[in-house]
Amino acid sequence: MILLDLLSTLERVASYGDVIKGFAGYIAISAIYIAIRDLFPKKVNLSIGSFVVRRKHFNVQNVTNIVSAQFYEGGTVPDSVRREIILLTSPKVKKITVNNPHK
């Protein structure tokens, strides 16, 4: 009886190990996918022109720097283009509430 209880307990523990191994495998595959995806190009279309950048460099700071260097000779990016960049690189949001609207 004690041996059967012990084997039953070990069997339950082993099944948790399989779940943990499966979860670890899923995380590893996801990390590999993200690393490979970041190597591929992303086309950025703005009103002033377009260019291609690696996905891992597609963020507001890098895109603003590229636009400044390539389209404005290192100068200041106009507010309208800066707004485009921010909207393009920002994550999608929902349920925005504005308490003190600017005029």
Protein backbone atom coordinates (compact mmCIF):
# COMPACT_ATOMS: atom_id res chain seq x y z
CA MET A 1 0.00 0.00 0.00
CA ILE A 2 2.72 2.46 0.97
CA LEU A 3 4.62 1.67 -2.22
CA LEU A 4 1.53 2.34 -4.34
CA ASP A 5 0.95 5.65 -2.58
CA LEU A 6 4.57 6.61 -3.13
CA LEU A 7 4.39 5.68 -6.84
CA SER A 8 1.15 7.64 -7.20
CA THR A 9 2.73 10.71 -5.60
CA LEU A 10 5.82 10.41 -7.81
CA GLU A 11 3.61 10.10 -10.89
CA ARG A 12 1.79 13.36 -9.99
CA VAL A 13 5.09 15.16 -9.41
CA ALA A 14 6.44 13.89 -12.73
CA SER A 15 3.38 15.19 -14.56
CA TYR A 16 4.06 18.68 -13.11
CA GLY A 17 7.60 18.40 -14.43
CA ASP A 18 6.24 17.72 -17.92
CA VAL A 19 4.09 20.85 -17.72
CA ILE A 20 7.08 22.91 -16.55
CA LYS A 21 9.25 21.52 -19.37
CA GLY A 22 6.52 22.36 -21.88
CA PHE A 23 6.21 25.90 -20.55
CA ALA A 24 10.00 26.37 -20.63
CA GLY A 25 10.07 25.12 -24.22
CA TYR A 26 7.34 27.58 -25.18
CA ILE A 27 9.30 30.46 -23.62
CA ALA A 28 12.48 29.40 -25.43
CA ILE A 29 10.71 29.21 -28.80
CA SER A 30 9.10 32.61 -28.19
CA ALA A 31 12.47 34.17 -27.37
CA ILE A 32 14.03 32.73 -30.52
CA TYR A 33 11.10 33.99 -32.61
CA ILE A 34 11.42 37.51 -31.18
CA ALA A 35 15.20 37.57 -31.71
CA ILE A 36 14.86 36.49 -35.34
CA ARG A 37 11.93 38.85 -36.01
CA ASP A 38 13.97 41.81 -34.72
CA LEU A 39 16.55 41.22 -37.46
CA PHE A 40 14.02 41.81 -40.25
CA PRO A 41 13.37 45.25 -41.75
CA LYS A 42 10.42 47.51 -41.00
CA LYS A 43 9.33 50.16 -43.49
CA VAL A 44 8.51 53.54 -41.96
CA ASN A 45 6.14 55.72 -44.01
CA LEU A 46 5.85 59.37 -43.03
CA SER A 47 4.42 62.40 -44.84
CA ILE A 48 7.96 63.63 -45.58
CA GLY A 49 9.22 60.33 -47.00
CA SER A 50 9.93 56.73 -46.07
CA PHE A 51 12.83 54.55 -45.04
CA VAL A 52 13.59 51.04 -43.82
CA VAL A 53 14.99 50.24 -40.38
CA ARG A 54 15.50 47.01 -38.45
CA ARG A 55 12.57 46.17 -36.17
CA LYS A 56 14.77 46.18 -33.08
CA HIS A 57 15.60 49.84 -33.83
CA PHE A 58 11.97 50.82 -34.46
CA ASN A 59 11.27 53.08 -31.49
CA VAL A 60 10.45 56.75 -31.08
CA GLN A 61 14.00 57.84 -30.27
CA ASN A 62 15.71 56.03 -33.14
CA VAL A 63 13.09 57.00 -35.72
CA THR A 64 13.25 60.65 -34.62
CA ASN A 65 17.05 60.60 -34.87
CA ILE A 66 16.93 59.05 -38.35
CA VAL A 67 14.37 61.60 -39.55
CA SER A 68 16.41 64.47 -38.11
CA ALA A 69 19.63 63.26 -39.73
CA GLN A 70 18.26 62.22 -43.11
CA PHE A 71 15.47 64.73 -43.77
CA TYR A 72 16.45 67.83 -41.73
CA GLU A 73 20.28 67.70 -41.86
CA GLY A 74 20.48 66.99 -38.14
CA GLY A 75 18.15 69.83 -37.22
CA THR A 76 14.94 69.94 -35.25
CA VAL A 77 12.06 67.78 -36.42
CA PRO A 78 8.85 69.83 -36.85
CA ASP A 79 6.01 69.18 -34.41
CA SER A 80 3.72 67.70 -37.09
CA VAL A 81 6.32 65.11 -38.13
CA ARG A 82 7.20 64.41 -34.49
CA ARG A 83 3.50 63.72 -33.85
CA GLU A 84 3.45 61.25 -36.78
CA ILE A 85 6.47 59.44 -35.35
CA ILE A 86 4.95 59.25 -31.88
CA LEU A 87 1.63 57.92 -33.20
CA LEU A 88 3.44 55.40 -35.40
CA THR A 89 5.71 54.02 -32.68
CA SER A 90 3.35 54.19 -29.69
CA PRO A 91 1.46 51.11 -28.55
CA LYS A 92 -2.28 51.05 -29.16
CA VAL A 93 -4.30 52.35 -26.21
CA LYS A 94 -7.98 52.27 -25.30
CA LYS A 95 -10.30 54.05 -22.91
CA ILE A 96 -8.42 57.35 -22.72
CA THR A 97 -9.90 59.93 -20.36
CA VAL A 98 -8.75 63.54 -20.54
CA ASN A 99 -9.39 65.50 -17.34
CA ASN A 100 -7.70 68.80 -18.26
CA PRO A 101 -7.84 69.21 -22.06
CA HIS A 102 -5.30 71.55 -23.65
CA LYS A 103 -6.60 74.23 -25.99
